[in-house]
Amino acid sequence: MTEFKHYHSAHCESGAVSSLLTNNGFAISEAALFGISGAIFFVHFPFIKLFNIPMTSYRDAPGSIVKRTPKLLDFKIKVLRYRNEDKAMKDLDIFLSRGKVLGLQTNAYWLSYFPESMRIHFNIHNIIVYGKDNDNYLISDPVSDHVTVCPEKDLKKARFSKGVLAPKGKLYYIESNPVANNLKKAFFTGITHACKRMLYIPLPYCGVKGIKYLSRVMLKWPDKLKKEHLLQLYVGNVVRMQEEVGTGGAGFRFMYASFLQEASDLFKMDEFNIFSEEMTSIGDKWREFAISGARFCKNKSDLNSLNELSAILEELSFLEKEFFSNLLKFVTKHKKSMCV
């Protein structure tokens, strides 16, 4: 059986890739991978609905970390998808027999090691499989405190769940390690990518514009939805996507703050530490929004509380616009020194 060390992470995709690389001999934090990929983001699409509720996300599209980091850090990652379920499970066993440690995209609902009360249909949960014992796969779930097991029949269901963002048996593993001397360039490129997406996408639903858009459209929900329980569902989903799906507790902002702290240590530039502290404060403000949102849902949708939520979002739009504008100016100014 492959020797494997489990690492507990804040987010499944960044945690899975970080664990795969670290177990392959190249230690790198999930915060660094999250930042390098430029995955911090915000989007609110009123016309794209999950479970009949508009989609809100606080990070880039699922799979962006697996897709972007190999290009920026110059390493190879093999990604496979399957149509045939039996072929997918057979290949999984073959790779394990060869000593591979594998990342899988799954639907968390079918992973039987989760308590039933915690299971939701979430098709983009990344886990690691590092071995097999009879009919049980040995699992390292990045958001779990310890390793666990999953029966073959359950893992098969999780890999081939239907619906939005279906996994389609997605499997990935490290083929070669990153080039260490590419780190500075990768950090710079990731920061630039994130800043430009937060600031300049010409759509009202994305980045800092998206935060402001949500602050305004939220005030129209009482008249549009009519029914109180629908209003609670809409507000509750915005909070749930921030607090429960992904890292919890405005965690993507806090993770980005950790990434900038690493940049400060790596480049010996105290300015990055200042940006890290600013992003931590922004994360605290997002947490304040979540607490107010939960209070709104609990207190029978008091409309004064809705105005308060809208005001917090408008402030966050301003804060993040100022933050990413200043960060972009800084990295642009220091481009040459960062990429040497």
Protein backbone atom coordinates (compact mmCIF):
# COMPACT_ATOMS: atom_id res chain seq x y z
CA MET A 1 0.00 0.00 0.00
CA THR A 2 1.20 3.51 -0.84
CA GLU A 3 2.56 5.45 2.14
CA PHE A 4 0.34 8.48 2.52
CA LYS A 5 0.05 11.37 4.99
CA HIS A 6 -3.33 13.02 5.48
CA TYR A 7 -3.62 16.81 5.61
CA HIS A 8 -6.70 18.60 6.89
CA SER A 9 -7.65 21.54 4.67
CA ALA A 10 -10.14 24.39 4.52
CA HIS A 11 -11.34 23.72 0.96
CA CYS A 12 -11.59 20.46 -0.93
CA GLU A 13 -10.03 21.30 -4.32
CA SER A 14 -7.08 23.38 -3.11
CA GLY A 15 -6.62 20.91 -0.26
CA ALA A 16 -6.64 17.89 -2.57
CA VAL A 17 -4.07 19.32 -4.99
CA SER A 18 -1.88 20.54 -2.12
CA SER A 19 -1.99 17.09 -0.50
CA LEU A 20 -1.22 15.31 -3.79
CA LEU A 21 1.81 17.53 -4.43
CA THR A 22 3.06 17.37 -0.84
CA ASN A 23 2.78 13.57 -0.75
CA ASN A 24 4.62 13.53 -4.08
CA GLY A 25 7.56 15.38 -2.52
CA PHE A 26 6.76 19.03 -3.30
CA ALA A 27 5.40 20.70 -0.18
CA ILE A 28 3.05 23.59 -0.91
CA SER A 29 0.14 25.02 1.07
CA GLU A 30 -3.42 25.08 -0.12
CA ALA A 31 -3.45 28.86 0.41
CA ALA A 32 -0.57 29.20 -2.05
CA LEU A 33 -2.34 27.03 -4.63
CA PHE A 34 -5.58 28.95 -4.15
CA GLY A 35 -3.82 32.27 -4.67
CA ILE A 36 -1.62 31.15 -7.55
CA SER A 37 -4.66 29.88 -9.44
CA GLY A 38 -6.38 33.25 -8.95
CA ALA A 39 -9.43 31.41 -7.64
CA ILE A 40 -10.74 34.18 -5.37
CA PHE A 41 -13.84 35.67 -7.02
CA PHE A 42 -17.47 36.66 -6.61
CA VAL A 43 -20.44 36.03 -8.86
CA HIS A 44 -24.20 36.27 -8.52
CA PHE A 45 -26.11 34.98 -11.55
CA PRO A 46 -29.87 35.56 -11.26
CA PHE A 47 -30.51 33.56 -14.43
CA ILE A 48 -28.50 30.46 -13.44
CA LYS A 49 -30.34 28.60 -10.72
CA LEU A 50 -29.44 25.68 -8.50
CA PHE A 51 -32.46 24.11 -6.82
CA ASN A 52 -34.49 27.04 -8.25
CA ILE A 53 -32.39 29.61 -6.37
CA PRO A 54 -30.00 32.07 -8.11
CA MET A 55 -26.37 30.98 -8.03
CA THR A 56 -23.93 32.83 -5.82
CA SER A 57 -20.25 31.89 -5.58
CA TYR A 58 -17.27 33.33 -3.73
CA ARG A 59 -14.59 31.61 -5.82
CA ASP A 60 -13.77 30.80 -9.43
CA ALA A 61 -15.37 27.91 -11.30
CA PRO A 62 -14.87 24.39 -9.89
CA GLY A 63 -11.81 22.74 -11.41
CA SER A 64 -9.96 26.01 -11.97
CA ILE A 65 -7.26 25.11 -9.44
CA VAL A 66 -6.63 21.71 -11.07
CA LYS A 67 -6.61 23.39 -14.47
CA ARG A 68 -4.54 26.54 -13.87
CA THR A 69 -1.86 25.63 -11.31
CA PRO A 70 -0.02 23.05 -13.49
CA LYS A 71 0.48 25.71 -16.17
CA LEU A 72 1.73 28.32 -13.73
CA LEU A 73 3.97 26.05 -11.65
CA ASP A 74 5.13 23.96 -14.61
CA PHE A 75 4.10 20.52 -13.44
CA LYS A 76 2.05 17.79 -15.07
CA ILE A 77 -1.27 16.53 -13.81
CA LYS A 78 -3.20 13.81 -15.62
CA VAL A 79 -6.97 14.30 -15.73
CA LEU A 80 -9.37 11.58 -16.94
CA ARG A 81 -13.16 11.45 -17.32
CA TYR A 82 -15.29 8.43 -18.13
CA ARG A 83 -18.55 7.47 -19.74
CA ASN A 84 -18.41 3.85 -18.62
CA GLU A 85 -18.76 3.43 -14.85
CA ASP A 86 -17.20 -0.04 -14.71
CA LYS A 87 -14.21 1.14 -16.75
CA ALA A 88 -13.77 4.08 -14.37
CA MET A 89 -13.73 1.83 -11.29
CA LYS A 90 -11.42 -0.69 -12.98
CA ASP A 91 -8.95 2.05 -13.90
CA LEU A 92 -9.09 3.37 -10.34
CA ASP A 93 -8.04 -0.05 -9.05
CA ILE A 94 -5.27 -0.33 -11.65
CA PHE A 95 -3.81 3.06 -10.75
CA LEU A 96 -3.93 2.19 -7.04
CA SER A 97 -2.15 -1.11 -7.70
CA ARG A 98 0.62 0.92 -9.36
CA GLY A 99 1.04 3.07 -6.26
CA LYS A 100 -0.77 6.14 -7.54
CA VAL A 101 -2.49 8.53 -5.16
CA LEU A 102 -5.56 9.89 -6.91
CA GLY A 103 -7.84 12.89 -6.72
CA LEU A 104 -11.52 12.30 -7.51
CA GLN A 105 -14.47 14.60 -8.12
CA THR A 106 -17.56 13.27 -6.36
CA ASN A 107 -21.06 14.05 -5.15
CA ALA A 108 -20.74 14.43 -1.37
CA TYR A 109 -24.26 13.08 -0.82
CA TRP A 110 -23.22 9.52 -1.70
CA LEU A 111 -20.07 9.47 0.43
CA SER A 112 -21.32 7.26 3.25
CA TYR A 113 -18.68 8.35 5.76
CA PHE A 114 -20.50 11.69 6.07
CA PRO A 115 -23.28 11.67 8.70
CA GLU A 116 -26.69 11.76 7.05
CA SER A 117 -27.44 15.16 8.56
CA MET A 118 -24.42 16.62 6.74
CA ARG A 119 -25.08 15.16 3.30
CA ILE A 120 -26.11 17.48 0.50
CA HIS A 121 -26.14 16.95 -3.26
CA PHE A 122 -22.89 18.68 -4.11
CA ASN A 123 -21.30 17.38 -7.31
CA ILE A 124 -17.93 19.09 -7.01
CA HIS A 125 -16.48 17.65 -3.81
CA ASN A 126 -12.83 16.62 -4.28
CA ILE A 127 -11.36 13.73 -2.31
CA ILE A 128 -8.19 11.63 -2.42
CA VAL A 129 -8.07 7.85 -2.74
CA TYR A 130 -4.77 6.30 -1.67
CA GLY A 131 -5.54 2.58 -1.37
CA LYS A 132 -8.09 -0.21 -1.20
CA ASP A 133 -8.86 -2.82 1.45
CA ASN A 134 -11.15 -5.53 0.06
CA ASP A 135 -14.28 -3.62 -1.08
CA ASN A 136 -13.44 -0.44 0.83
CA TYR A 137 -11.45 2.44 -0.64
CA LEU A 138 -9.08 4.30 1.67
CA ILE A 139 -10.08 7.94 1.58
CA SER A 140 -8.36 11.15 2.56
CA ASP A 141 -11.08 13.79 2.48
CA PRO A 142 -9.39 17.22 2.67
CA VAL A 143 -12.12 18.66 4.90
CA SER A 144 -11.99 15.75 7.38
CA ASP A 145 -9.77 15.51 10.43
CA HIS A 146 -8.61 11.99 9.64
CA VAL A 147 -8.61 9.33 6.94
CA THR A 148 -11.64 7.14 6.44
CA VAL A 149 -13.06 4.46 4.14
CA CYS A 150 -15.82 4.32 1.55
CA PRO A 151 -17.46 1.17 0.17
CA GLU A 152 -16.99 0.57 -3.54
CA LYS A 153 -20.72 0.81 -4.34
CA ASP A 154 -21.00 4.21 -2.62
CA LEU A 155 -17.90 5.63 -4.27
CA LYS A 156 -19.19 4.51 -7.65
CA LYS A 157 -22.45 6.39 -7.05
CA ALA A 158 -20.51 9.46 -5.91
CA ARG A 159 -18.34 9.44 -9.04
CA PHE A 160 -21.29 9.15 -11.43
CA SER A 161 -23.96 11.29 -9.84
CA LYS A 162 -26.15 13.13 -12.35
CA GLY A 163 -27.13 16.78 -12.45
CA VAL A 164 -25.37 20.14 -12.65
CA LEU A 165 -21.56 19.84 -12.76
CA ALA A 166 -21.78 16.03 -12.82
CA PRO A 167 -18.40 14.43 -11.95
CA LYS A 168 -18.41 12.02 -14.92
CA GLY A 169 -15.89 9.85 -13.11
CA LYS A 170 -13.25 12.60 -13.00
CA LEU A 171 -9.90 11.32 -11.77
CA TYR A 172 -6.53 13.09 -11.59
CA TYR A 173 -2.99 12.43 -10.37
CA ILE A 174 0.43 14.09 -10.36
CA GLU A 175 2.77 13.08 -13.20
CA SER A 176 5.66 15.46 -12.42
CA ASN A 177 6.48 17.97 -9.68
CA PRO A 178 6.51 21.78 -10.03
CA VAL A 179 9.65 23.73 -10.87
CA ALA A 180 10.56 25.50 -7.63
CA ASN A 181 12.14 28.55 -9.27
CA ASN A 182 8.81 29.36 -10.96
CA LEU A 183 7.16 30.32 -7.65
CA LYS A 184 7.71 34.08 -7.91
CA LYS A 185 6.30 34.29 -11.40
CA ALA A 186 3.38 32.04 -10.44
CA PHE A 187 2.50 34.22 -7.43
CA PHE A 188 2.62 37.38 -9.54
CA THR A 189 0.54 35.89 -12.36
CA GLY A 190 -2.07 34.55 -9.95
CA ILE A 191 -2.44 37.89 -8.18
CA THR A 192 -2.78 39.78 -11.47
CA HIS A 193 -5.35 37.29 -12.77
CA ALA A 194 -7.49 37.59 -9.62
CA CYS A 195 -7.34 41.38 -9.49
CA LYS A 196 -8.30 41.86 -13.13
CA ARG A 197 -11.22 39.44 -12.87
CA MET A 198 -12.54 41.09 -9.73
CA LEU A 199 -12.25 44.55 -11.28
CA TYR A 200 -12.69 44.44 -15.03
CA ILE A 201 -15.09 41.73 -16.23
CA PRO A 202 -17.67 43.80 -18.18
CA LEU A 203 -20.70 42.13 -16.64
CA PRO A 204 -22.72 43.43 -13.69
CA TYR A 205 -22.86 39.98 -12.07
CA CYS A 206 -19.12 39.39 -11.56
CA GLY A 207 -16.41 40.62 -9.23
CA VAL A 208 -16.90 43.83 -7.28
CA LYS A 209 -19.71 44.78 -9.67
CA GLY A 210 -21.46 41.54 -8.75
CA ILE A 211 -21.33 42.32 -5.04
CA LYS A 212 -22.89 45.73 -5.68
CA TYR A 213 -25.46 44.19 -8.03
CA LEU A 214 -26.52 41.72 -5.33
CA SER A 215 -26.82 44.54 -2.80
CA ARG A 216 -29.35 46.24 -5.08
CA VAL A 217 -31.29 43.27 -6.41
CA MET A 218 -31.72 41.93 -2.88
CA LEU A 219 -33.95 44.89 -2.05
CA LYS A 220 -36.30 43.87 -4.87
CA TRP A 221 -36.77 40.31 -3.62
CA PRO A 222 -39.72 41.00 -1.25
CA ASP A 223 -41.87 42.36 -4.11
CA LYS A 224 -40.63 39.79 -6.59
CA LEU A 225 -40.95 36.69 -4.44
CA LYS A 226 -44.10 37.63 -2.50
CA LYS A 227 -43.85 34.67 -0.14
CA GLU A 228 -41.79 35.02 3.02
CA HIS A 229 -40.32 31.52 2.90
CA LEU A 230 -38.95 32.16 -0.62
CA LEU A 231 -37.28 35.34 0.56
CA GLN A 232 -35.69 33.40 3.40
CA LEU A 233 -34.50 30.74 0.95
CA TYR A 234 -32.87 33.33 -1.31
CA VAL A 235 -31.09 35.14 1.51
CA GLY A 236 -30.26 31.88 3.24
CA ASN A 237 -28.65 30.50 0.10
CA VAL A 238 -26.34 33.52 -0.26
CA VAL A 239 -25.21 32.92 3.32
CA ARG A 240 -25.01 29.14 2.90
CA MET A 241 -22.77 29.44 -0.16
CA GLN A 242 -20.47 31.65 1.90
CA GLU A 243 -20.48 29.71 5.15
CA GLU A 244 -21.12 26.04 4.36
CA VAL A 245 -20.14 25.31 0.75
CA GLY A 246 -16.38 25.55 0.41
CA THR A 247 -14.41 26.84 3.36
CA GLY A 248 -16.98 28.26 5.75
CA GLY A 249 -16.84 31.56 7.56
CA ALA A 250 -15.88 33.76 4.60
CA GLY A 251 -12.95 31.38 4.36
CA PHE A 252 -11.95 32.14 0.77
CA ARG A 253 -11.12 35.71 1.83
CA PHE A 254 -9.20 34.45 4.84
CA MET A 255 -7.38 31.91 2.67
CA TYR A 256 -6.37 34.68 0.27
CA ALA A 257 -5.05 36.65 3.23
CA SER A 258 -2.87 33.64 4.13
CA PHE A 259 -1.64 33.49 0.55
CA LEU A 260 -0.58 37.15 0.70
CA GLN A 261 1.16 36.49 4.01
CA GLU A 262 3.13 33.72 2.30
CA ALA A 263 4.00 36.17 -0.50
CA SER A 264 5.31 38.60 2.11
CA ASP A 265 7.56 35.91 3.60
CA LEU A 266 8.70 34.60 0.20
CA PHE A 267 9.52 37.95 -1.39
CA LYS A 268 10.59 39.73 1.83
CA MET A 269 8.09 42.49 1.03
CA ASP A 270 6.21 43.89 4.01
CA GLU A 271 3.60 45.45 1.73
CA PHE A 272 2.08 42.03 1.11
CA ASN A 273 1.62 41.64 4.84
CA ILE A 274 -0.36 44.90 4.89
CA PHE A 275 -2.56 43.61 2.06
CA SER A 276 -3.02 40.38 4.01
CA GLU A 277 -4.29 42.31 7.03
CA GLU A 278 -6.67 44.30 4.83
CA MET A 279 -8.10 41.13 3.31
CA THR A 280 -8.56 39.64 6.78
CA SER A 281 -10.63 42.70 7.71
CA ILE A 282 -12.71 42.20 4.56
CA GLY A 283 -13.24 38.59 5.58
CA ASP A 284 -14.46 39.80 8.96
CA LYS A 285 -16.96 42.07 7.22
CA TRP A 286 -18.22 39.12 5.15
CA ARG A 287 -18.67 37.19 8.39
CA GLU A 288 -20.68 40.13 9.77
CA PHE A 289 -22.86 39.89 6.66
CA ALA A 290 -23.40 36.16 7.26
CA ILE A 291 -24.42 36.70 10.88
CA SER A 292 -26.88 39.40 9.85
CA GLY A 293 -28.22 37.16 7.10
CA ALA A 294 -28.79 34.29 9.51
CA ARG A 295 -30.54 36.68 11.90
CA PHE A 296 -32.76 37.89 9.03
CA CYS A 297 -33.83 34.32 8.19
CA LYS A 298 -34.48 33.51 11.84
CA ASN A 299 -36.44 36.68 12.67
CA LYS A 300 -39.17 36.22 10.06
CA SER A 301 -37.61 38.36 7.36
CA ASP A 302 -37.61 41.78 8.97
CA LEU A 303 -37.28 44.23 6.05
CA ASN A 304 -35.13 46.62 8.08
CA SER A 305 -32.64 43.77 8.39
CA LEU A 306 -32.73 43.33 4.61
CA ASN A 307 -31.73 46.97 4.22
CA GLU A 308 -28.88 46.32 6.63
CA LEU A 309 -27.71 43.34 4.55
CA SER A 310 -27.82 45.43 1.38
CA ALA A 311 -25.77 48.17 3.04
CA ILE A 312 -23.09 45.69 4.17
CA LEU A 313 -22.81 44.31 0.62
CA GLU A 314 -22.48 47.80 -0.84
CA GLU A 315 -19.69 48.52 1.64
CA LEU A 316 -18.00 45.23 0.73
CA SER A 317 -18.17 46.12 -2.94
CA PHE A 318 -16.33 49.37 -2.20
CA LEU A 319 -13.78 47.69 0.09
CA GLU A 320 -12.93 44.93 -2.38
CA LYS A 321 -12.71 47.37 -5.30
CA GLU A 322 -10.25 49.50 -3.36
CA PHE A 323 -8.31 46.44 -2.18
CA PHE A 324 -7.89 44.76 -5.58
CA SER A 325 -7.15 48.09 -7.31
CA ASN A 326 -4.33 48.84 -4.88
CA LEU A 327 -3.01 45.28 -5.01
CA LEU A 328 -2.93 45.35 -8.81
CA LYS A 329 -1.06 48.68 -8.81
CA PHE A 330 1.47 47.26 -6.36
CA VAL A 331 2.23 44.04 -8.24
CA THR A 332 2.39 45.92 -11.56
CA LYS A 333 4.92 48.33 -10.08
CA HIS A 334 7.06 45.48 -8.76
CA LYS A 335 6.64 43.15 -11.73
CA LYS A 336 10.32 42.99 -12.67
CA SER A 337 11.57 42.24 -9.17
CA MET A 338 8.90 39.60 -8.61
CA CYS A 339 9.59 37.68 -11.79
CA VAL A 340 13.38 37.63 -11.72
